[in-house]
């Protein structure tokens, strides 16, 4: 299992690499419009302004974008990532060469708008279950290459990250169970594998019915994912599991939306995972304006 320091190094690498790839795909060998019209040393000031109410995310990323183009650009954050903002609020100022500000503009906005859209949506879900003990989780249904940013935005919106990838949690799903010959057998194989590797890692198993959940509990997993259970089935599963394994954590998943997340949380589950947070993103509208100084 990766150590905490290794995780931090890995995430830092993912973040830096994705930012540079985003800049490269936009710029390639230069911004011909800016080269044609802007004097190389012309100084300017840019502001990024919210055009809708929401939760801001990605200010720290935007700073890295500007600095990736030109280390001399000075970025001033006017609000913190995770803060609620109103339409018209200025969230960031950047001072530097106009040419550098123009080259960075679209990439900085792309990251901020997507991340702010995710954070805003996540906050809606978190607020909807705030009267319960349930936590909102994300999934791996992220845009390829943008997982770090998508999951960071969920945290800034008040949600929690489930697993980052395939490497930091054993998650036994229906296909694993069928291939392994049953849910208990799958759990046993996972535990044996971890033991041989000398790795401490939690085991979560997905179940499709209360009967399969009862079978899974006998295998002693850390978390059970109740997939596509009805509200009545969730409530019954929670009651049964609390009696048999009080320390077991329960996660609800499948067909979750703002219309029903509160009812799902009220059944007593510990977590509700929501794929929509990252697979159906609506960007928060923002704009950047530049003026010479």
Protein backbone atom coordinates (compact mmCIF):
# COMPACT_ATOMS: atom_id res chain seq x y z
CA UNK A 1 0.00 0.00 0.00
CA UNK A 2 1.28 3.46 -0.83
CA UNK A 3 2.42 5.52 2.12
CA UNK A 4 0.85 8.93 2.72
CA UNK A 5 3.97 10.68 1.42
CA UNK A 6 3.91 8.53 -1.72
CA UNK A 7 0.24 9.43 -2.27
CA UNK A 8 1.08 13.13 -2.00
CA UNK A 9 3.94 12.77 -4.48
CA UNK A 10 1.70 10.81 -6.86
CA UNK A 11 -1.10 13.38 -6.70
CA UNK A 12 1.34 16.25 -7.19
CA UNK A 13 2.74 14.52 -10.26
CA UNK A 14 -0.74 13.88 -11.71
CA UNK A 15 -1.74 17.48 -11.15
CA UNK A 16 1.40 19.03 -12.69
CA UNK A 17 1.37 16.67 -15.68
CA UNK A 18 -2.31 17.33 -16.44
CA UNK A 19 -1.85 21.11 -16.26
CA UNK A 20 1.10 21.02 -18.65
CA UNK A 21 -0.76 18.72 -21.06
CA UNK A 22 -3.75 21.07 -21.03
CA UNK A 23 -1.51 24.04 -21.82
CA UNK A 24 0.32 22.15 -24.55
CA UNK A 25 -2.83 20.98 -26.34
CA UNK A 26 -4.13 24.57 -26.41
CA UNK A 27 -0.89 26.35 -27.27
CA UNK A 28 1.11 23.81 -29.32
CA UNK A 29 3.84 26.04 -30.80
CA UNK A 30 2.33 29.42 -29.89
CA UNK A 31 -0.72 31.69 -29.71
CA UNK A 32 -0.68 33.21 -33.19
CA UNK A 33 -3.40 35.77 -32.45
CA UNK A 34 -1.59 37.14 -29.41
CA UNK A 35 1.75 37.10 -31.23
CA UNK A 36 0.22 39.14 -34.04
CA UNK A 37 -1.43 41.79 -31.89
CA UNK A 38 0.24 42.14 -28.50
CA UNK A 39 3.64 43.64 -27.77
CA UNK A 40 5.75 41.04 -25.92
CA UNK A 41 6.43 43.29 -22.91
CA UNK A 42 3.00 44.95 -22.58
CA UNK A 43 1.86 44.70 -18.96
CA UNK A 44 -1.70 44.03 -17.90
CA UNK A 45 -4.11 42.95 -15.20
CA UNK A 46 -6.72 40.20 -15.45
CA UNK A 47 -9.66 39.36 -13.21
CA UNK A 48 -11.71 36.18 -13.10
CA UNK A 49 -15.31 36.88 -12.19
CA UNK A 50 -18.17 34.54 -11.34
CA UNK A 51 -21.20 34.81 -13.59
CA UNK A 52 -23.32 32.54 -11.39
CA UNK A 53 -23.74 31.70 -7.72
CA UNK A 54 -22.00 28.59 -6.46
CA UNK A 55 -18.96 27.13 -4.69
CA UNK A 56 -15.61 28.15 -6.12
CA UNK A 57 -12.90 25.57 -6.75
CA UNK A 58 -9.71 25.55 -8.77
CA UNK A 59 -8.17 28.86 -7.74
CA UNK A 60 -4.97 27.11 -6.70
CA UNK A 61 -4.97 25.24 -10.01
CA UNK A 62 -5.47 28.46 -11.98
CA UNK A 63 -2.45 29.91 -10.19
CA UNK A 64 -0.37 26.97 -11.41
CA UNK A 65 -1.68 27.49 -14.93
CA UNK A 66 -0.55 31.12 -14.99
CA UNK A 67 2.81 30.21 -13.51
CA UNK A 68 3.15 27.36 -16.02
CA UNK A 69 3.05 29.94 -18.79
CA UNK A 70 5.09 32.64 -17.08
CA UNK A 71 6.71 32.46 -13.66
CA UNK A 72 6.67 36.25 -13.41
CA UNK A 73 2.84 36.43 -13.35
CA UNK A 74 1.61 37.49 -9.90
CA UNK A 75 -1.66 35.87 -8.83
CA UNK A 76 -3.82 37.24 -6.02
CA UNK A 77 -6.55 35.01 -4.62
CA UNK A 78 -9.52 37.06 -3.44
CA UNK A 79 -11.48 34.12 -2.00
CA UNK A 80 -10.52 30.66 -0.82
CA UNK A 81 -11.26 27.44 -2.68
CA UNK A 82 -14.45 25.96 -1.26
CA UNK A 83 -16.03 29.35 -0.50
CA UNK A 84 -19.56 30.23 -1.55
CA UNK A 85 -19.62 32.97 -4.17
CA UNK A 86 -22.27 35.15 -5.74
CA UNK A 87 -22.79 36.23 -9.32
CA UNK A 88 -20.39 39.10 -10.02
CA UNK A 89 -17.82 38.20 -7.37
CA UNK A 90 -14.19 38.55 -8.43
CA UNK A 91 -12.33 35.46 -7.26
CA UNK A 92 -8.83 36.02 -8.65
CA UNK A 93 -6.56 38.74 -10.01
CA UNK A 94 -3.41 38.18 -12.07
CA UNK A 95 -0.77 40.75 -12.99
CA UNK A 96 1.84 40.24 -15.67
CA UNK A 97 2.48 40.37 -19.39
CA UNK A 98 -0.74 40.64 -21.36
CA UNK A 99 0.53 37.95 -23.73
CA UNK A 100 1.02 35.51 -20.83
CA UNK A 101 -2.42 36.27 -19.39
CA UNK A 102 -4.06 35.67 -22.77
CA UNK A 103 -2.30 32.34 -23.33
CA UNK A 104 -3.32 31.09 -19.86
CA UNK A 105 -6.90 32.39 -19.98
CA UNK A 106 -8.86 29.49 -21.45
CA UNK A 107 -6.99 26.72 -19.64
CA UNK A 108 -7.33 28.48 -16.28
CA UNK A 109 -11.05 29.01 -16.87
CA UNK A 110 -11.60 25.43 -18.06
CA UNK A 111 -10.18 24.03 -14.84
CA UNK A 112 -11.95 26.52 -12.60
CA UNK A 113 -15.34 26.23 -14.26
CA UNK A 114 -15.36 22.42 -14.21
CA UNK A 115 -14.07 22.20 -10.64
CA UNK A 116 -16.47 24.88 -9.42
CA UNK A 117 -19.38 23.09 -11.11
CA UNK A 118 -18.47 19.85 -9.30
CA UNK A 119 -17.98 21.61 -5.96
CA UNK A 120 -21.30 23.44 -6.33
CA UNK A 121 -23.22 20.26 -7.13
CA UNK A 122 -21.50 18.38 -4.32
CA UNK A 123 -22.49 21.07 -1.81
CA UNK A 124 -26.13 20.62 -2.86
CA UNK A 125 -25.94 16.93 -2.02
CA UNK A 126 -24.07 17.55 1.23
CA UNK A 127 -26.66 20.09 2.33
CA UNK A 128 -29.47 17.68 1.43
CA UNK A 129 -28.18 15.03 3.88
CA UNK A 130 -26.85 17.38 6.57
CA UNK A 131 -29.62 16.33 8.99
CA UNK A 132 -28.37 12.73 8.86
CA UNK A 133 -25.07 11.06 9.66
CA UNK A 134 -24.44 10.05 6.05
CA UNK A 135 -21.46 11.29 4.04
CA UNK A 136 -21.49 11.98 0.31
CA UNK A 137 -18.89 10.02 -1.69
CA UNK A 138 -17.66 10.39 -5.24
CA UNK A 139 -16.82 7.56 -7.67
CA UNK A 140 -14.21 6.77 -10.32
CA UNK A 141 -16.57 8.10 -12.99
CA UNK A 142 -14.27 11.01 -13.75
CA UNK A 143 -13.02 12.59 -16.98
CA UNK A 144 -9.90 10.72 -18.17
CA UNK A 145 -6.82 12.64 -17.09
CA UNK A 146 -8.77 14.92 -14.76
CA UNK A 147 -9.36 12.62 -11.80
CA UNK A 148 -7.20 14.61 -9.38
CA UNK A 149 -9.11 17.81 -10.15
CA UNK A 150 -12.55 16.17 -10.13
CA UNK A 151 -11.96 14.52 -6.77
CA UNK A 152 -10.36 17.63 -5.27
CA UNK A 153 -13.45 19.59 -6.29
CA UNK A 154 -15.69 17.05 -4.51
CA UNK A 155 -13.73 17.60 -1.30
CA UNK A 156 -13.96 21.37 -1.69
CA UNK A 157 -17.73 20.98 -2.02
CA UNK A 158 -17.88 19.12 1.30
CA UNK A 159 -17.96 15.55 -0.02
CA UNK A 160 -15.48 12.76 0.56
CA UNK A 161 -13.35 10.82 -1.88
CA UNK A 162 -14.16 7.12 -2.13
CA UNK A 163 -11.06 5.58 -3.67
CA UNK A 164 -8.71 7.43 -5.99
CA UNK A 165 -8.09 4.46 -8.25
CA UNK A 166 -7.73 0.72 -8.41
CA UNK A 167 -4.80 0.68 -6.03
CA UNK A 168 -6.00 2.10 -2.70
CA UNK A 169 -9.03 -0.04 -1.76
CA UNK A 170 -10.15 -3.59 -2.46
CA UNK A 171 -13.61 -3.12 -3.97
CA UNK A 172 -15.21 -6.47 -4.84
CA UNK A 173 -18.00 -5.91 -7.36
CA UNK A 174 -20.51 -8.23 -9.00
CA UNK A 175 -18.15 -9.36 -11.76
CA UNK A 176 -15.44 -10.19 -9.21
CA UNK A 177 -17.95 -12.17 -7.13
CA UNK A 178 -19.20 -14.16 -10.11
CA UNK A 179 -15.66 -14.90 -11.32
CA UNK A 180 -14.46 -15.89 -7.82
CA UNK A 181 -17.33 -18.32 -7.22
CA UNK A 182 -19.33 -16.40 -4.62
CA UNK A 183 -19.15 -13.46 -2.28
CA UNK A 184 -17.51 -15.21 0.69
CA UNK A 185 -14.94 -16.84 -1.57
CA UNK A 186 -14.16 -13.44 -3.09
CA UNK A 187 -13.63 -11.85 0.33
CA UNK A 188 -11.42 -14.75 1.43
CA UNK A 189 -9.28 -14.45 -1.68
CA UNK A 190 -8.89 -10.71 -1.16
CA UNK A 191 -7.87 -11.15 2.46
CA UNK A 192 -5.38 -13.90 1.55
CA UNK A 193 -3.86 -11.72 -1.15
CA UNK A 194 -3.41 -8.76 1.21
CA UNK A 195 -1.91 -11.01 3.86
CA UNK A 196 0.66 -12.44 1.47
CA UNK A 197 1.62 -8.93 0.37
CA UNK A 198 1.81 -7.72 3.97
CA UNK A 199 -0.53 -4.91 3.03
CA UNK A 200 -3.13 -3.29 5.29
CA UNK A 201 -6.07 -2.22 3.17
CA UNK A 202 -9.82 -2.11 3.67
CA UNK A 203 -12.09 -4.52 1.84
CA UNK A 204 -15.42 -3.38 0.45
CA UNK A 205 -17.88 -5.69 -1.25
CA UNK A 206 -20.87 -4.84 -3.44
CA UNK A 207 -24.04 -6.83 -2.88
CA UNK A 208 -27.21 -7.02 -4.92
CA UNK A 209 -29.71 -8.32 -2.35
CA UNK A 210 -30.24 -8.62 1.39
CA UNK A 211 -29.49 -12.33 1.12
CA UNK A 212 -26.14 -11.62 -0.52
CA UNK A 213 -25.44 -8.98 2.15
CA UNK A 214 -26.12 -11.52 4.90
CA UNK A 215 -23.72 -13.92 3.19
CA UNK A 216 -21.09 -11.19 2.76
CA UNK A 217 -21.20 -10.19 6.43
CA UNK A 218 -20.06 -13.67 7.39
CA UNK A 219 -16.87 -12.98 5.45
CA UNK A 220 -16.09 -9.95 7.60
CA UNK A 221 -15.57 -7.09 5.10
CA UNK A 222 -15.01 -3.53 6.32
CA UNK A 223 -17.66 -1.94 4.09
CA UNK A 224 -20.67 -3.29 2.23
CA UNK A 225 -21.99 -1.44 -0.81
CA UNK A 226 -25.74 -1.86 -1.19
CA UNK A 227 -26.24 -1.53 -4.94
CA UNK A 228 -29.59 -0.39 -6.33
CA UNK A 229 -31.57 -1.28 -3.20
CA UNK A 230 -35.04 0.20 -2.77
CA UNK A 231 -35.63 2.46 0.23
CA UNK A 232 -37.42 -0.34 2.07
CA UNK A 233 -34.60 -2.76 1.30
CA UNK A 234 -32.00 -0.23 2.49
CA UNK A 235 -33.84 0.31 5.77
CA UNK A 236 -34.15 -3.43 6.36
CA UNK A 237 -30.50 -4.00 5.46
CA UNK A 238 -29.36 -1.32 7.90
CA UNK A 239 -31.39 -2.80 10.77
CA UNK A 240 -30.12 -6.34 10.12
CA UNK A 241 -26.47 -5.27 9.65
CA UNK A 242 -26.40 -3.11 12.78
CA UNK A 243 -27.46 -6.12 14.85
CA UNK A 244 -25.02 -8.56 13.28
CA UNK A 245 -21.97 -6.33 12.74
CA UNK A 246 -22.24 -2.96 14.53
CA UNK A 247 -18.80 -1.78 13.29
CA UNK A 248 -19.59 -2.50 9.63
CA UNK A 249 -19.94 0.53 7.37
CA UNK A 250 -22.73 0.60 4.80
CA UNK A 251 -22.70 2.47 1.50
CA UNK A 252 -25.71 3.03 -0.76
CA UNK A 253 -25.23 3.41 -4.49
CA UNK A 254 -27.25 3.38 -7.70
CA UNK A 255 -29.82 5.79 -9.17
CA UNK A 256 -29.01 8.49 -6.62
CA UNK A 257 -30.13 12.05 -7.33
CA UNK A 258 -31.04 15.20 -5.48
CA UNK A 259 -34.65 14.03 -5.61
CA UNK A 260 -34.01 11.01 -3.38
CA UNK A 261 -30.62 11.40 -1.66
CA UNK A 262 -32.16 12.63 1.61
CA UNK A 263 -34.50 9.63 1.80
CA UNK A 264 -31.59 7.28 1.11
CA UNK A 265 -29.48 8.90 3.84
CA UNK A 266 -32.38 8.72 6.29
CA UNK A 267 -32.33 4.90 6.10
CA UNK A 268 -29.22 5.03 8.29
CA UNK A 269 -26.47 4.18 5.79
CA UNK A 270 -23.03 5.65 6.48
CA UNK A 271 -22.27 6.72 2.92
CA UNK A 272 -24.08 7.58 -0.29
CA UNK A 273 -21.98 7.47 -3.45
CA UNK A 274 -23.02 9.71 -6.33
CA UNK A 275 -21.63 9.20 -9.83
CA UNK A 276 -23.35 12.32 -11.12
CA UNK A 277 -20.94 14.56 -9.22
CA UNK A 278 -18.20 13.90 -11.75
CA UNK A 279 -19.72 12.15 -14.77
CA UNK A 280 -22.41 14.75 -15.57
CA UNK A 281 -20.70 18.04 -14.76
CA UNK A 282 -22.32 21.39 -15.43
CA UNK A 283 -19.60 24.02 -15.37
CA UNK A 284 -20.06 27.12 -13.21
CA UNK A 285 -20.03 30.11 -15.54
CA UNK A 286 -17.00 32.40 -15.15
CA UNK A 287 -15.21 34.93 -17.31
CA UNK A 288 -11.83 36.61 -17.43
CA UNK A 289 -11.22 40.19 -18.49
CA UNK A 290 -7.83 41.73 -19.22
CA UNK A 291 -6.88 45.38 -19.17
CA UNK A 292 -3.51 47.01 -20.00
CA UNK A 293 -1.71 48.81 -17.16
